[in-house]
N, C-alpha and C. Protein backbone atom coordinates (compact mmCIF):
# COMPACT_ATOMS: atom_id res chain seq x y z
N GLN A 1 -14.88 1.70 7.16
CA GLN A 1 -13.67 0.93 7.40
C GLN A 1 -12.56 1.88 7.82
N ASN A 2 -11.80 1.49 8.79
CA ASN A 2 -10.68 2.30 9.27
C ASN A 2 -9.36 1.77 8.74
N PHE A 3 -8.39 2.64 8.68
CA PHE A 3 -7.04 2.20 8.37
C PHE A 3 -6.10 2.95 9.30
N SER A 4 -4.95 2.35 9.57
CA SER A 4 -4.07 2.89 10.60
C SER A 4 -3.00 3.83 10.08
N GLY A 5 -2.87 3.95 8.79
CA GLY A 5 -1.84 4.82 8.26
C GLY A 5 -1.99 4.98 6.77
N LEU A 6 -1.20 5.84 6.20
CA LEU A 6 -1.26 6.11 4.78
C LEU A 6 0.07 5.73 4.15
N GLU A 7 -0.01 5.16 2.98
CA GLU A 7 1.18 4.67 2.27
C GLU A 7 2.15 5.80 1.95
N LEU A 8 3.43 5.51 2.14
CA LEU A 8 4.48 6.46 1.76
C LEU A 8 4.99 6.15 0.37
N GLU A 9 5.56 7.15 -0.25
CA GLU A 9 6.10 7.01 -1.61
C GLU A 9 7.23 5.99 -1.64
N ASP A 10 7.21 5.12 -2.64
CA ASP A 10 8.30 4.16 -2.79
C ASP A 10 9.10 4.43 -4.06
N GLY A 11 8.75 5.47 -4.78
CA GLY A 11 9.47 5.84 -5.99
C GLY A 11 10.32 7.08 -5.75
N GLY A 12 11.05 7.48 -6.76
CA GLY A 12 11.89 8.66 -6.64
C GLY A 12 13.23 8.33 -6.02
N GLY A 13 13.97 9.35 -5.74
CA GLY A 13 15.31 9.16 -5.17
C GLY A 13 15.29 9.06 -3.66
N ARG A 14 16.49 9.15 -3.06
CA ARG A 14 16.63 9.02 -1.61
C ARG A 14 15.86 10.09 -0.85
N GLY A 15 15.71 11.27 -1.42
CA GLY A 15 15.00 12.35 -0.74
C GLY A 15 13.49 12.25 -0.85
N THR A 16 13.00 11.35 -1.65
CA THR A 16 11.55 11.20 -1.87
C THR A 16 11.03 9.89 -1.31
N SER A 17 11.64 8.81 -1.68
CA SER A 17 11.17 7.49 -1.28
C SER A 17 11.19 7.33 0.24
N GLY A 18 10.04 6.97 0.80
CA GLY A 18 9.94 6.74 2.23
C GLY A 18 9.74 7.97 3.08
N SER A 19 9.76 9.15 2.47
CA SER A 19 9.62 10.38 3.27
C SER A 19 8.52 11.31 2.77
N HIS A 20 7.75 10.87 1.81
CA HIS A 20 6.65 11.67 1.27
C HIS A 20 5.41 10.79 1.11
N TRP A 21 4.24 11.42 1.05
CA TRP A 21 3.00 10.67 0.79
C TRP A 21 3.05 10.06 -0.60
N GLU A 22 2.42 8.92 -0.77
CA GLU A 22 2.31 8.25 -2.07
C GLU A 22 1.53 9.16 -3.03
N LYS A 23 2.14 9.53 -4.14
CA LYS A 23 1.56 10.47 -5.10
C LYS A 23 0.21 10.00 -5.64
N ARG A 24 0.06 8.72 -5.94
CA ARG A 24 -1.19 8.25 -6.52
C ARG A 24 -2.35 8.33 -5.53
N LEU A 25 -2.06 8.47 -4.24
CA LEU A 25 -3.12 8.56 -3.24
C LEU A 25 -3.48 9.99 -2.86
N LEU A 26 -2.50 10.89 -2.87
CA LEU A 26 -2.75 12.27 -2.43
C LEU A 26 -2.42 13.32 -3.47
N MET A 27 -2.18 12.92 -4.67
CA MET A 27 -1.92 13.73 -5.87
C MET A 27 -1.32 15.12 -5.61
N ASN A 28 -2.12 16.13 -5.26
CA ASN A 28 -1.60 17.50 -5.15
C ASN A 28 -1.38 17.95 -3.70
N GLU A 29 -1.21 17.01 -2.77
CA GLU A 29 -0.91 17.35 -1.39
C GLU A 29 0.53 17.84 -1.34
N ILE A 30 0.79 18.82 -0.52
CA ILE A 30 2.11 19.44 -0.49
C ILE A 30 3.23 18.48 -0.06
N MET A 31 2.89 17.42 0.66
CA MET A 31 3.91 16.48 1.12
C MET A 31 4.07 15.26 0.22
N THR A 32 3.58 15.35 -1.03
CA THR A 32 3.94 14.31 -2.00
C THR A 32 5.33 14.66 -2.51
N GLY A 33 5.94 13.76 -3.24
CA GLY A 33 7.33 13.95 -3.65
C GLY A 33 7.55 14.84 -4.85
N SER A 34 6.49 15.44 -5.40
CA SER A 34 6.65 16.35 -6.53
C SER A 34 5.76 17.56 -6.36
N VAL A 35 6.17 18.66 -6.94
CA VAL A 35 5.47 19.93 -6.80
C VAL A 35 4.27 19.99 -7.74
N ASP A 36 3.20 20.56 -7.26
CA ASP A 36 2.00 20.78 -8.05
C ASP A 36 1.67 22.26 -7.94
N THR A 37 1.18 22.85 -8.99
CA THR A 37 0.87 24.29 -8.96
C THR A 37 -0.29 24.60 -8.02
N ARG A 38 -1.06 23.60 -7.65
CA ARG A 38 -2.19 23.80 -6.75
C ARG A 38 -2.06 22.93 -5.51
N SER A 39 -0.88 22.89 -4.93
CA SER A 39 -0.64 22.06 -3.75
C SER A 39 -1.45 22.56 -2.56
N VAL A 40 -1.89 21.61 -1.74
CA VAL A 40 -2.66 21.93 -0.54
C VAL A 40 -2.04 21.23 0.67
N VAL A 41 -2.30 21.78 1.85
CA VAL A 41 -1.92 21.14 3.10
C VAL A 41 -3.19 20.49 3.64
N SER A 42 -3.23 19.16 3.65
CA SER A 42 -4.44 18.43 4.05
C SER A 42 -4.40 18.04 5.53
N LYS A 43 -5.52 17.53 6.00
CA LYS A 43 -5.60 17.03 7.36
C LYS A 43 -4.64 15.87 7.59
N MET A 44 -4.33 15.12 6.55
CA MET A 44 -3.39 14.00 6.70
C MET A 44 -2.01 14.50 7.09
N THR A 45 -1.54 15.56 6.45
CA THR A 45 -0.22 16.11 6.79
C THR A 45 -0.25 16.75 8.17
N LEU A 46 -1.33 17.46 8.49
CA LEU A 46 -1.43 18.05 9.83
C LEU A 46 -1.42 16.97 10.90
N ALA A 47 -2.11 15.85 10.65
CA ALA A 47 -2.12 14.74 11.61
C ALA A 47 -0.72 14.13 11.76
N LEU A 48 -0.01 14.00 10.66
CA LEU A 48 1.36 13.48 10.71
C LEU A 48 2.25 14.39 11.55
N LEU A 49 2.15 15.69 11.32
CA LEU A 49 2.96 16.64 12.08
C LEU A 49 2.61 16.58 13.57
N GLU A 50 1.32 16.49 13.87
CA GLU A 50 0.90 16.42 15.26
C GLU A 50 1.38 15.11 15.91
N ASP A 51 1.30 14.01 15.18
CA ASP A 51 1.76 12.72 15.70
C ASP A 51 3.26 12.71 16.00
N SER A 52 4.01 13.60 15.36
CA SER A 52 5.45 13.66 15.62
C SER A 52 5.74 14.17 17.03
N GLY A 53 4.76 14.82 17.64
CA GLY A 53 4.96 15.37 18.97
C GLY A 53 5.55 16.76 18.99
N TRP A 54 5.90 17.28 17.84
CA TRP A 54 6.52 18.59 17.74
C TRP A 54 5.53 19.72 17.47
N TYR A 55 4.34 19.37 17.01
CA TYR A 55 3.38 20.39 16.58
C TYR A 55 2.00 20.11 17.15
N GLN A 56 1.23 21.18 17.29
CA GLN A 56 -0.19 21.05 17.61
C GLN A 56 -0.94 21.62 16.40
N ALA A 57 -1.67 20.78 15.72
CA ALA A 57 -2.31 21.16 14.46
C ALA A 57 -3.61 21.92 14.70
N ASN A 58 -3.84 22.90 13.84
CA ASN A 58 -5.12 23.61 13.79
C ASN A 58 -5.84 23.08 12.56
N TYR A 59 -6.66 22.07 12.74
CA TYR A 59 -7.29 21.38 11.61
C TYR A 59 -8.27 22.26 10.84
N SER A 60 -8.71 23.35 11.43
CA SER A 60 -9.60 24.26 10.70
C SER A 60 -8.85 24.98 9.57
N MET A 61 -7.53 24.94 9.61
CA MET A 61 -6.72 25.57 8.57
C MET A 61 -6.38 24.61 7.43
N ALA A 62 -6.75 23.35 7.57
CA ALA A 62 -6.47 22.36 6.51
C ALA A 62 -7.22 22.74 5.24
N GLU A 63 -6.59 22.47 4.11
CA GLU A 63 -7.21 22.75 2.82
C GLU A 63 -7.85 21.47 2.29
N HIS A 64 -8.86 21.65 1.43
CA HIS A 64 -9.56 20.50 0.86
C HIS A 64 -8.68 19.82 -0.18
N LEU A 65 -8.60 18.53 -0.07
CA LEU A 65 -7.88 17.71 -1.03
C LEU A 65 -8.93 17.09 -1.94
N ASP A 66 -9.03 17.58 -3.17
CA ASP A 66 -10.06 17.09 -4.09
C ASP A 66 -9.81 15.66 -4.55
N TRP A 67 -8.54 15.28 -4.71
CA TRP A 67 -8.21 13.95 -5.20
C TRP A 67 -8.68 12.90 -4.19
N GLY A 68 -9.57 12.03 -4.59
CA GLY A 68 -10.09 10.97 -3.73
C GLY A 68 -11.19 11.41 -2.78
N ARG A 69 -11.62 12.63 -2.89
CA ARG A 69 -12.63 13.17 -1.98
C ARG A 69 -13.93 12.37 -2.06
N ASN A 70 -14.47 12.04 -0.91
CA ASN A 70 -15.73 11.28 -0.76
C ASN A 70 -15.67 9.88 -1.35
N GLN A 71 -14.48 9.33 -1.53
CA GLN A 71 -14.34 7.98 -2.09
C GLN A 71 -14.21 6.92 -0.99
N GLY A 72 -14.08 7.33 0.25
CA GLY A 72 -13.98 6.38 1.35
C GLY A 72 -12.58 5.79 1.49
N THR A 73 -12.42 4.96 2.51
CA THR A 73 -11.11 4.38 2.77
C THR A 73 -10.69 3.39 1.70
N GLU A 74 -11.64 2.83 0.96
CA GLU A 74 -11.29 1.91 -0.13
C GLU A 74 -10.35 2.57 -1.13
N PHE A 75 -10.51 3.87 -1.32
CA PHE A 75 -9.65 4.61 -2.25
C PHE A 75 -8.19 4.53 -1.80
N ALA A 76 -7.96 4.60 -0.49
CA ALA A 76 -6.60 4.61 0.05
C ALA A 76 -5.99 3.22 0.18
N ILE A 77 -6.82 2.19 0.28
CA ILE A 77 -6.27 0.86 0.53
C ILE A 77 -6.41 -0.10 -0.65
N SER A 78 -7.09 0.32 -1.70
CA SER A 78 -7.28 -0.55 -2.87
C SER A 78 -6.34 -0.16 -4.00
N PRO A 79 -5.98 -1.10 -4.86
CA PRO A 79 -5.16 -0.76 -6.02
C PRO A 79 -5.91 0.19 -6.95
N CYS A 80 -5.20 1.05 -7.64
CA CYS A 80 -5.85 2.07 -8.46
C CYS A 80 -6.66 1.50 -9.61
N ASN A 81 -6.41 0.27 -10.03
CA ASN A 81 -7.23 -0.29 -11.11
C ASN A 81 -8.62 -0.69 -10.63
N SER A 82 -8.89 -0.57 -9.33
CA SER A 82 -10.24 -0.83 -8.83
C SER A 82 -11.01 0.48 -8.56
N TRP A 83 -10.36 1.62 -8.74
CA TRP A 83 -11.03 2.90 -8.54
C TRP A 83 -12.11 3.08 -9.59
N LYS A 84 -13.06 3.96 -9.30
CA LYS A 84 -14.16 4.16 -10.23
C LYS A 84 -14.23 5.61 -10.69
N GLY A 85 -15.04 5.82 -11.69
CA GLY A 85 -15.32 7.17 -12.18
C GLY A 85 -14.12 7.86 -12.80
N ALA A 86 -14.03 9.15 -12.55
CA ALA A 86 -13.01 9.99 -13.19
C ALA A 86 -11.60 9.74 -12.67
N TYR A 87 -11.45 8.90 -11.66
CA TYR A 87 -10.12 8.61 -11.12
C TYR A 87 -9.40 7.54 -11.92
N ARG A 88 -10.08 6.95 -12.87
CA ARG A 88 -9.48 5.85 -13.61
C ARG A 88 -9.82 5.98 -15.09
N CYS A 89 -8.85 5.77 -15.92
CA CYS A 89 -9.11 5.74 -17.36
C CYS A 89 -8.43 4.52 -17.94
N ASN A 90 -8.97 4.04 -19.03
CA ASN A 90 -8.36 2.86 -19.64
C ASN A 90 -8.37 2.89 -21.16
N THR A 91 -8.67 4.05 -21.72
CA THR A 91 -8.68 4.20 -23.17
C THR A 91 -7.57 5.14 -23.59
N THR A 92 -6.68 4.70 -24.42
CA THR A 92 -5.52 5.48 -24.83
C THR A 92 -5.91 6.82 -25.42
N GLN A 93 -5.31 7.87 -24.86
CA GLN A 93 -5.44 9.24 -25.36
C GLN A 93 -6.87 9.75 -25.45
N LEU A 94 -7.81 9.18 -24.72
CA LEU A 94 -9.19 9.65 -24.74
C LEU A 94 -9.29 10.98 -24.00
N SER A 95 -9.81 12.00 -24.67
CA SER A 95 -9.96 13.31 -24.07
C SER A 95 -11.24 13.37 -23.26
N GLY A 96 -11.20 14.06 -22.13
CA GLY A 96 -12.38 14.20 -21.28
C GLY A 96 -12.09 15.14 -20.14
N CYS A 97 -12.98 15.21 -19.18
CA CYS A 97 -12.80 16.08 -18.03
C CYS A 97 -11.81 15.46 -17.04
N THR A 98 -11.08 16.30 -16.34
CA THR A 98 -10.22 15.83 -15.27
C THR A 98 -11.09 15.39 -14.10
N TYR A 99 -10.50 14.72 -13.11
CA TYR A 99 -11.25 14.19 -11.98
C TYR A 99 -12.05 15.26 -11.23
N ASN A 100 -11.57 16.49 -11.20
CA ASN A 100 -12.26 17.56 -10.49
C ASN A 100 -13.11 18.44 -11.40
N ARG A 101 -13.19 18.10 -12.67
CA ARG A 101 -13.99 18.79 -13.67
C ARG A 101 -13.58 20.25 -13.89
N GLU A 102 -12.32 20.55 -13.62
CA GLU A 102 -11.83 21.92 -13.79
C GLU A 102 -11.12 22.14 -15.11
N ALA A 103 -10.82 21.08 -15.83
CA ALA A 103 -10.08 21.24 -17.08
C ALA A 103 -10.31 20.03 -17.97
N GLU A 104 -9.87 20.17 -19.22
CA GLU A 104 -9.88 19.03 -20.12
C GLU A 104 -8.61 18.23 -19.88
N GLY A 105 -8.75 16.94 -19.87
CA GLY A 105 -7.59 16.08 -19.68
C GLY A 105 -7.64 14.94 -20.69
N TYR A 106 -6.64 14.09 -20.64
CA TYR A 106 -6.65 12.92 -21.51
C TYR A 106 -6.05 11.75 -20.74
N CYS A 107 -6.25 10.60 -21.27
CA CYS A 107 -5.80 9.36 -20.65
C CYS A 107 -4.43 8.99 -21.22
N PRO A 108 -3.35 9.17 -20.46
CA PRO A 108 -2.01 8.93 -20.99
C PRO A 108 -1.59 7.46 -20.94
N ILE A 109 -2.38 6.60 -21.57
CA ILE A 109 -2.11 5.16 -21.58
C ILE A 109 -1.47 4.77 -22.90
N VAL A 110 -0.38 4.04 -22.84
CA VAL A 110 0.32 3.60 -24.05
C VAL A 110 0.68 2.12 -23.94
N SER A 111 1.04 1.54 -25.06
CA SER A 111 1.55 0.17 -25.09
C SER A 111 3.07 0.25 -25.25
N TYR A 112 3.79 -0.34 -24.31
CA TYR A 112 5.25 -0.35 -24.34
C TYR A 112 5.74 -1.56 -25.13
N SER A 113 6.98 -1.54 -25.56
CA SER A 113 7.53 -2.64 -26.36
C SER A 113 7.75 -3.90 -25.51
N GLY A 114 7.94 -3.73 -24.22
CA GLY A 114 8.11 -4.87 -23.32
C GLY A 114 7.15 -4.80 -22.15
N ASP A 115 7.11 -5.84 -21.37
CA ASP A 115 6.23 -5.87 -20.20
C ASP A 115 6.71 -4.89 -19.13
N LEU A 116 5.77 -4.28 -18.44
CA LEU A 116 6.07 -3.39 -17.32
C LEU A 116 6.42 -4.22 -16.09
N PRO A 117 7.09 -3.61 -15.10
CA PRO A 117 7.33 -4.33 -13.85
C PRO A 117 5.99 -4.73 -13.23
N LYS A 118 5.96 -5.81 -12.48
CA LYS A 118 4.71 -6.31 -11.88
C LYS A 118 3.96 -5.23 -11.11
N TRP A 119 4.68 -4.38 -10.36
CA TRP A 119 4.03 -3.37 -9.54
C TRP A 119 3.35 -2.29 -10.38
N ALA A 120 3.67 -2.19 -11.65
CA ALA A 120 3.08 -1.16 -12.53
C ALA A 120 2.05 -1.75 -13.49
N GLN A 121 1.71 -3.01 -13.34
CA GLN A 121 0.75 -3.65 -14.25
C GLN A 121 -0.67 -3.53 -13.68
N TYR A 122 -1.45 -2.63 -14.28
CA TYR A 122 -2.83 -2.42 -13.86
C TYR A 122 -3.83 -2.79 -14.94
N PHE A 123 -3.34 -3.32 -16.05
CA PHE A 123 -4.19 -3.70 -17.18
C PHE A 123 -3.96 -5.17 -17.49
N PRO A 124 -4.93 -5.80 -18.17
CA PRO A 124 -4.75 -7.21 -18.55
C PRO A 124 -3.50 -7.43 -19.41
N GLN A 125 -3.16 -6.45 -20.25
CA GLN A 125 -1.96 -6.55 -21.08
C GLN A 125 -0.77 -6.06 -20.25
N ALA A 126 0.23 -6.91 -20.07
CA ALA A 126 1.37 -6.58 -19.21
C ALA A 126 2.23 -5.44 -19.74
N ASN A 127 2.06 -5.07 -21.01
CA ASN A 127 2.86 -3.99 -21.59
C ASN A 127 2.08 -2.67 -21.68
N LYS A 128 0.88 -2.61 -21.16
CA LYS A 128 0.05 -1.41 -21.24
C LYS A 128 0.14 -0.63 -19.93
N GLY A 129 0.36 0.69 -20.03
CA GLY A 129 0.46 1.50 -18.82
C GLY A 129 0.50 2.98 -19.11
N GLU A 130 0.63 3.73 -18.02
CA GLU A 130 0.63 5.18 -18.09
C GLU A 130 2.00 5.71 -18.51
N ILE A 131 2.00 6.90 -19.09
CA ILE A 131 3.25 7.58 -19.45
C ILE A 131 3.74 8.35 -18.23
N ASN A 132 4.78 7.86 -17.57
CA ASN A 132 5.46 8.55 -16.47
C ASN A 132 4.56 9.38 -15.57
N GLY A 133 3.57 8.81 -14.98
CA GLY A 133 2.71 9.52 -14.06
C GLY A 133 2.78 8.93 -12.67
N PRO A 134 1.84 9.29 -11.80
CA PRO A 134 1.88 8.81 -10.42
C PRO A 134 1.62 7.32 -10.27
N PHE A 135 1.11 6.67 -11.32
CA PHE A 135 0.81 5.25 -11.24
C PHE A 135 1.92 4.40 -11.83
N PHE A 136 2.97 5.04 -12.35
CA PHE A 136 4.06 4.30 -12.97
C PHE A 136 5.38 4.72 -12.38
């Protein structure tokens, strides 16, 4: 399945919203709205720069983006509660491997005192969600 573009960030302030890749889709890509210690320049950013008409990209220099790797276009166009495997967790504070199996991680899911906004509801319980991460 093909898609014609990649979602831009709708969170953050004026300098982030609408001008960076959606964090939940490209996690540690350098053009997301927050810094990661292991940021990479992916083919998506090189394609964006080339499409601007100002640059000619050398795609052989692109770095591998582990987040969503080999998950297909469904990963980019489906809501995160439909993702499978290590990209999704639903048990509060459950310790386990991170998506890339490089470290121990945990599932930062909590129950809030009130319902979350509709766009942040990925669980059957409207008050259950992540602690300030890319999905919230």
